[in-house]
Amino acid sequence: MRKIESELIQAFRLGRSFKSQNTTLENTDHGQVVRLHGNKIAQLDGTNLYLSSAGWETATTKSRLNAILSCLVPGAVIYQKDFVWYLDINNYVVRFQDVEGQPIHV
């Protein structure tokens, strides 16, 4: 895990805002929101975690999302196979989709 991701996770756990380079964590009325290059990639609203690539399926986006998952959903990982992203939660694998209406319960 990259240093910026470790710091992001620490801020997440403490409920603090965070900003470093291209990544921010904001505390809003709708929970904690993580942005990468200004694009919302994650939101924790109570026990619901919403994930998105924001249309940018890059290694950095995937790395940030995996850091968040490692903190909140042990055993979950996003990986890529043949240019397609998948979400694996304890060996239950689904194709990753940018649908904010489908939360992961944490």
N, C-alpha and C. Protein backbone atom coordinates (compact mmCIF):
# COMPACT_ATOMS: atom_id res chain seq x y z
N MET A 1 0.85 -1.18 0.00
CA MET A 1 0.00 0.00 0.00
C MET A 1 0.90 1.24 0.00
N ARG A 2 0.54 2.19 -0.80
CA ARG A 2 1.30 3.42 -0.92
C ARG A 2 1.13 4.28 0.34
N LYS A 3 2.12 5.15 0.57
CA LYS A 3 2.08 6.01 1.75
C LYS A 3 0.82 6.88 1.76
N ILE A 4 0.46 7.45 0.62
CA ILE A 4 -0.73 8.30 0.55
C ILE A 4 -1.98 7.52 0.93
N GLU A 5 -2.02 6.24 0.55
CA GLU A 5 -3.18 5.40 0.88
C GLU A 5 -3.21 5.05 2.36
N SER A 6 -2.06 4.83 2.96
CA SER A 6 -2.01 4.59 4.41
C SER A 6 -2.51 5.81 5.17
N GLU A 7 -2.10 6.99 4.72
CA GLU A 7 -2.56 8.23 5.37
C GLU A 7 -4.06 8.44 5.15
N LEU A 8 -4.54 8.10 3.97
CA LEU A 8 -5.98 8.20 3.67
C LEU A 8 -6.78 7.29 4.60
N ILE A 9 -6.32 6.06 4.76
CA ILE A 9 -7.02 5.10 5.60
C ILE A 9 -7.01 5.55 7.06
N GLN A 10 -5.89 6.08 7.51
CA GLN A 10 -5.80 6.59 8.89
C GLN A 10 -6.82 7.70 9.10
N ALA A 11 -6.93 8.63 8.15
CA ALA A 11 -7.90 9.72 8.25
C ALA A 11 -9.32 9.17 8.22
N PHE A 12 -9.56 8.17 7.38
CA PHE A 12 -10.87 7.52 7.28
C PHE A 12 -11.27 6.98 8.64
N ARG A 13 -10.37 6.24 9.26
CA ARG A 13 -10.65 5.62 10.56
C ARG A 13 -10.91 6.64 11.65
N LEU A 14 -10.21 7.78 11.59
CA LEU A 14 -10.35 8.81 12.61
C LEU A 14 -11.47 9.80 12.30
N GLY A 15 -12.09 9.66 11.13
CA GLY A 15 -13.17 10.58 10.76
C GLY A 15 -12.69 11.97 10.43
N ARG A 16 -11.46 12.08 9.97
CA ARG A 16 -10.86 13.38 9.66
C ARG A 16 -10.85 13.63 8.16
N SER A 17 -10.79 14.90 7.80
CA SER A 17 -10.59 15.26 6.40
C SER A 17 -9.13 15.03 6.05
N PHE A 18 -8.87 14.88 4.75
CA PHE A 18 -7.52 14.57 4.30
C PHE A 18 -7.34 15.11 2.89
N LYS A 19 -6.14 15.65 2.62
CA LYS A 19 -5.82 16.09 1.27
C LYS A 19 -4.34 15.90 1.04
N SER A 20 -4.01 15.19 -0.02
CA SER A 20 -2.61 15.00 -0.40
C SER A 20 -2.56 14.72 -1.89
N GLN A 21 -1.76 15.47 -2.58
CA GLN A 21 -1.58 15.33 -4.02
C GLN A 21 -2.93 15.32 -4.74
N ASN A 22 -3.32 14.19 -5.30
CA ASN A 22 -4.54 14.12 -6.12
C ASN A 22 -5.72 13.47 -5.39
N THR A 23 -5.58 13.23 -4.09
CA THR A 23 -6.60 12.50 -3.32
C THR A 23 -7.10 13.35 -2.16
N THR A 24 -8.44 13.38 -2.00
CA THR A 24 -9.03 14.09 -0.86
C THR A 24 -10.08 13.21 -0.19
N LEU A 25 -10.25 13.45 1.09
CA LEU A 25 -11.30 12.82 1.88
C LEU A 25 -12.05 13.95 2.57
N GLU A 26 -13.35 14.03 2.31
CA GLU A 26 -14.18 15.07 2.89
C GLU A 26 -15.25 14.45 3.77
N ASN A 27 -15.56 15.11 4.85
CA ASN A 27 -16.69 14.71 5.68
C ASN A 27 -17.86 15.61 5.30
N THR A 28 -18.94 15.00 4.82
CA THR A 28 -20.10 15.75 4.36
C THR A 28 -21.34 15.32 5.13
N ASP A 29 -22.47 15.94 4.81
CA ASP A 29 -23.75 15.54 5.41
C ASP A 29 -24.14 14.13 4.97
N HIS A 30 -23.55 13.65 3.89
CA HIS A 30 -23.88 12.32 3.36
C HIS A 30 -22.76 11.32 3.64
N GLY A 31 -21.94 11.58 4.63
CA GLY A 31 -20.88 10.66 5.01
C GLY A 31 -19.52 11.12 4.52
N GLN A 32 -18.59 10.19 4.47
CA GLN A 32 -17.23 10.47 4.03
C GLN A 32 -17.13 10.23 2.53
N VAL A 33 -16.51 11.17 1.83
CA VAL A 33 -16.38 11.10 0.38
C VAL A 33 -14.91 11.17 -0.01
N VAL A 34 -14.46 10.20 -0.81
CA VAL A 34 -13.09 10.19 -1.32
C VAL A 34 -13.12 10.60 -2.78
N ARG A 35 -12.24 11.55 -3.11
CA ARG A 35 -12.13 12.02 -4.49
C ARG A 35 -10.71 11.82 -4.99
N LEU A 36 -10.61 11.44 -6.25
CA LEU A 36 -9.32 11.31 -6.93
C LEU A 36 -9.37 12.22 -8.15
N HIS A 37 -8.47 13.19 -8.21
CA HIS A 37 -8.48 14.20 -9.28
C HIS A 37 -9.85 14.88 -9.36
N GLY A 38 -10.50 15.08 -8.21
CA GLY A 38 -11.80 15.76 -8.17
C GLY A 38 -13.00 14.88 -8.45
N ASN A 39 -12.77 13.63 -8.84
CA ASN A 39 -13.86 12.70 -9.15
C ASN A 39 -14.18 11.84 -7.93
N LYS A 40 -15.45 11.73 -7.60
CA LYS A 40 -15.86 10.91 -6.45
C LYS A 40 -15.68 9.44 -6.79
N ILE A 41 -14.81 8.75 -6.00
CA ILE A 41 -14.58 7.33 -6.23
C ILE A 41 -15.13 6.46 -5.10
N ALA A 42 -15.41 7.07 -3.95
CA ALA A 42 -15.95 6.29 -2.84
C ALA A 42 -16.74 7.19 -1.90
N GLN A 43 -17.78 6.59 -1.30
CA GLN A 43 -18.57 7.30 -0.30
C GLN A 43 -19.01 6.29 0.75
N LEU A 44 -18.75 6.62 1.99
CA LEU A 44 -19.21 5.81 3.11
C LEU A 44 -20.31 6.59 3.80
N ASP A 45 -21.52 6.04 3.74
CA ASP A 45 -22.70 6.68 4.32
C ASP A 45 -23.27 5.70 5.34
N GLY A 46 -22.90 5.87 6.58
CA GLY A 46 -23.33 4.92 7.61
C GLY A 46 -22.64 3.59 7.40
N THR A 47 -23.43 2.56 7.09
CA THR A 47 -22.85 1.24 6.84
C THR A 47 -22.84 0.89 5.36
N ASN A 48 -23.13 1.87 4.51
CA ASN A 48 -23.14 1.64 3.06
C ASN A 48 -21.91 2.26 2.41
N LEU A 49 -21.18 1.45 1.66
CA LEU A 49 -20.01 1.91 0.94
C LEU A 49 -20.32 1.88 -0.55
N TYR A 50 -20.18 3.02 -1.20
CA TYR A 50 -20.40 3.14 -2.63
C TYR A 50 -19.05 3.35 -3.30
N LEU A 51 -18.76 2.57 -4.35
CA LEU A 51 -17.50 2.66 -5.06
C LEU A 51 -17.73 3.01 -6.51
N SER A 52 -16.79 3.74 -7.10
CA SER A 52 -16.88 4.11 -8.50
C SER A 52 -15.48 4.36 -9.05
N SER A 53 -15.29 4.01 -10.31
CA SER A 53 -14.04 4.37 -10.98
C SER A 53 -14.16 5.77 -11.58
N ALA A 54 -15.34 6.33 -11.53
CA ALA A 54 -15.64 7.64 -12.12
C ALA A 54 -15.28 7.66 -13.60
N GLY A 55 -15.33 6.48 -14.22
CA GLY A 55 -15.02 6.38 -15.64
C GLY A 55 -13.54 6.26 -15.94
N TRP A 56 -12.72 6.21 -14.89
CA TRP A 56 -11.27 6.13 -15.06
C TRP A 56 -10.76 4.82 -14.46
N GLU A 57 -10.78 3.77 -15.22
CA GLU A 57 -10.31 2.47 -14.72
C GLU A 57 -8.79 2.39 -14.87
N THR A 58 -8.12 3.15 -13.98
CA THR A 58 -6.66 3.22 -13.98
C THR A 58 -6.10 2.44 -12.80
N ALA A 59 -4.81 2.19 -12.86
CA ALA A 59 -4.14 1.50 -11.76
C ALA A 59 -4.24 2.31 -10.47
N THR A 60 -4.15 3.64 -10.57
CA THR A 60 -4.24 4.48 -9.37
C THR A 60 -5.63 4.42 -8.76
N THR A 61 -6.66 4.50 -9.59
CA THR A 61 -8.04 4.42 -9.08
C THR A 61 -8.25 3.08 -8.39
N LYS A 62 -7.83 2.02 -9.03
CA LYS A 62 -8.00 0.68 -8.45
C LYS A 62 -7.22 0.56 -7.14
N SER A 63 -6.03 1.12 -7.09
CA SER A 63 -5.23 1.07 -5.87
C SER A 63 -5.90 1.81 -4.72
N ARG A 64 -6.45 3.00 -4.99
CA ARG A 64 -7.16 3.76 -3.95
C ARG A 64 -8.39 2.98 -3.46
N LEU A 65 -9.15 2.43 -4.39
CA LEU A 65 -10.35 1.67 -4.01
C LEU A 65 -9.97 0.43 -3.19
N ASN A 66 -8.90 -0.24 -3.57
CA ASN A 66 -8.47 -1.42 -2.81
C ASN A 66 -7.98 -1.04 -1.42
N ALA A 67 -7.37 0.11 -1.27
CA ALA A 67 -6.95 0.57 0.06
C ALA A 67 -8.17 0.78 0.94
N ILE A 68 -9.21 1.41 0.38
CA ILE A 68 -10.45 1.64 1.13
C ILE A 68 -11.10 0.30 1.49
N LEU A 69 -11.15 -0.61 0.53
CA LEU A 69 -11.73 -1.92 0.79
C LEU A 69 -10.97 -2.67 1.88
N SER A 70 -9.65 -2.60 1.87
CA SER A 70 -8.86 -3.32 2.86
C SER A 70 -9.17 -2.84 4.28
N CYS A 71 -9.54 -1.58 4.39
CA CYS A 71 -9.87 -0.99 5.69
C CYS A 71 -11.29 -1.36 6.13
N LEU A 72 -12.22 -1.34 5.20
CA LEU A 72 -13.64 -1.47 5.56
C LEU A 72 -14.26 -2.83 5.28
N VAL A 73 -13.72 -3.57 4.32
CA VAL A 73 -14.31 -4.86 3.93
C VAL A 73 -13.18 -5.88 3.80
N PRO A 74 -12.73 -6.42 4.93
CA PRO A 74 -11.64 -7.41 4.87
C PRO A 74 -12.00 -8.56 3.93
N GLY A 75 -11.03 -8.96 3.11
CA GLY A 75 -11.25 -10.04 2.17
C GLY A 75 -11.79 -9.59 0.83
N ALA A 76 -11.99 -8.28 0.65
CA ALA A 76 -12.50 -7.76 -0.63
C ALA A 76 -11.36 -7.14 -1.43
N VAL A 77 -11.43 -7.31 -2.73
CA VAL A 77 -10.41 -6.75 -3.62
C VAL A 77 -11.01 -6.52 -5.00
N ILE A 78 -10.53 -5.49 -5.65
CA ILE A 78 -10.87 -5.24 -7.05
C ILE A 78 -9.65 -5.65 -7.86
N TYR A 79 -9.88 -6.45 -8.90
CA TYR A 79 -8.78 -6.85 -9.76
C TYR A 79 -9.22 -6.76 -11.21
N GLN A 80 -8.24 -6.85 -12.09
CA GLN A 80 -8.51 -6.73 -13.51
C GLN A 80 -8.06 -7.99 -14.23
N LYS A 81 -8.91 -8.47 -15.14
CA LYS A 81 -8.56 -9.62 -15.97
C LYS A 81 -9.09 -9.35 -17.37
N ASP A 82 -8.22 -9.44 -18.36
CA ASP A 82 -8.59 -9.18 -19.75
C ASP A 82 -9.29 -7.83 -19.90
N PHE A 83 -8.73 -6.79 -19.26
CA PHE A 83 -9.21 -5.41 -19.34
C PHE A 83 -10.56 -5.18 -18.68
N VAL A 84 -11.04 -6.11 -17.89
CA VAL A 84 -12.33 -5.98 -17.20
C VAL A 84 -12.06 -6.01 -15.70
N TRP A 85 -12.70 -5.08 -14.97
CA TRP A 85 -12.56 -5.04 -13.52
C TRP A 85 -13.58 -5.96 -12.87
N TYR A 86 -13.14 -6.63 -11.79
CA TYR A 86 -13.99 -7.51 -11.00
C TYR A 86 -13.86 -7.14 -9.52
N LEU A 87 -14.94 -7.33 -8.78
CA LEU A 87 -14.96 -7.15 -7.34
C LEU A 87 -15.11 -8.52 -6.71
N ASP A 88 -14.15 -8.89 -5.88
CA ASP A 88 -14.15 -10.18 -5.20
C ASP A 88 -14.31 -9.92 -3.71
N ILE A 89 -15.42 -10.39 -3.16
CA ILE A 89 -15.65 -10.28 -1.71
C ILE A 89 -15.73 -11.69 -1.16
N ASN A 90 -14.63 -12.10 -0.53
CA ASN A 90 -14.54 -13.45 0.04
C ASN A 90 -14.96 -14.53 -0.96
N ASN A 91 -14.35 -14.49 -2.14
CA ASN A 91 -14.56 -15.46 -3.22
C ASN A 91 -15.93 -15.36 -3.90
N TYR A 92 -16.69 -14.33 -3.63
CA TYR A 92 -17.91 -14.04 -4.39
C TYR A 92 -17.52 -12.94 -5.39
N VAL A 93 -17.43 -13.30 -6.66
CA VAL A 93 -16.89 -12.40 -7.68
C VAL A 93 -18.01 -11.89 -8.58
N VAL A 94 -18.02 -10.56 -8.77
CA VAL A 94 -18.94 -9.92 -9.70
C VAL A 94 -18.16 -8.91 -10.54
N ARG A 95 -18.69 -8.62 -11.70
CA ARG A 95 -18.07 -7.60 -12.53
C ARG A 95 -18.27 -6.25 -11.85
N PHE A 96 -17.20 -5.48 -11.72
CA PHE A 96 -17.28 -4.17 -11.09
C PHE A 96 -18.03 -3.22 -12.00
N GLN A 97 -19.00 -2.52 -11.43
CA GLN A 97 -19.76 -1.53 -12.18
C GLN A 97 -19.86 -0.25 -11.39
N ASP A 98 -19.83 0.87 -12.10
CA ASP A 98 -19.97 2.18 -11.48
C ASP A 98 -21.44 2.49 -11.24
N VAL A 99 -22.03 1.81 -10.29
CA VAL A 99 -23.45 2.03 -9.98
C VAL A 99 -23.53 2.43 -8.52
N GLU A 100 -23.82 3.71 -8.28
CA GLU A 100 -23.88 4.18 -6.90
C GLU A 100 -25.09 3.64 -6.15
N GLY A 101 -26.05 3.07 -6.84
CA GLY A 101 -27.23 2.54 -6.18
C GLY A 101 -27.02 1.18 -5.55
N GLN A 102 -25.86 0.57 -5.77
CA GLN A 102 -25.58 -0.77 -5.25
C GLN A 102 -24.46 -0.70 -4.21
N PRO A 103 -24.78 -0.44 -2.95
CA PRO A 103 -23.73 -0.31 -1.95
C PRO A 103 -23.20 -1.67 -1.47
N ILE A 104 -22.03 -1.61 -0.90
CA ILE A 104 -21.47 -2.74 -0.18
C ILE A 104 -21.72 -2.43 1.29
N HIS A 105 -22.32 -3.34 2.00
CA HIS A 105 -22.61 -3.11 3.42
C HIS A 105 -21.38 -3.46 4.23
N VAL A 106 -20.96 -2.50 5.06
CA VAL A 106 -19.76 -2.70 5.90
C VAL A 106 -20.13 -2.75 7.36
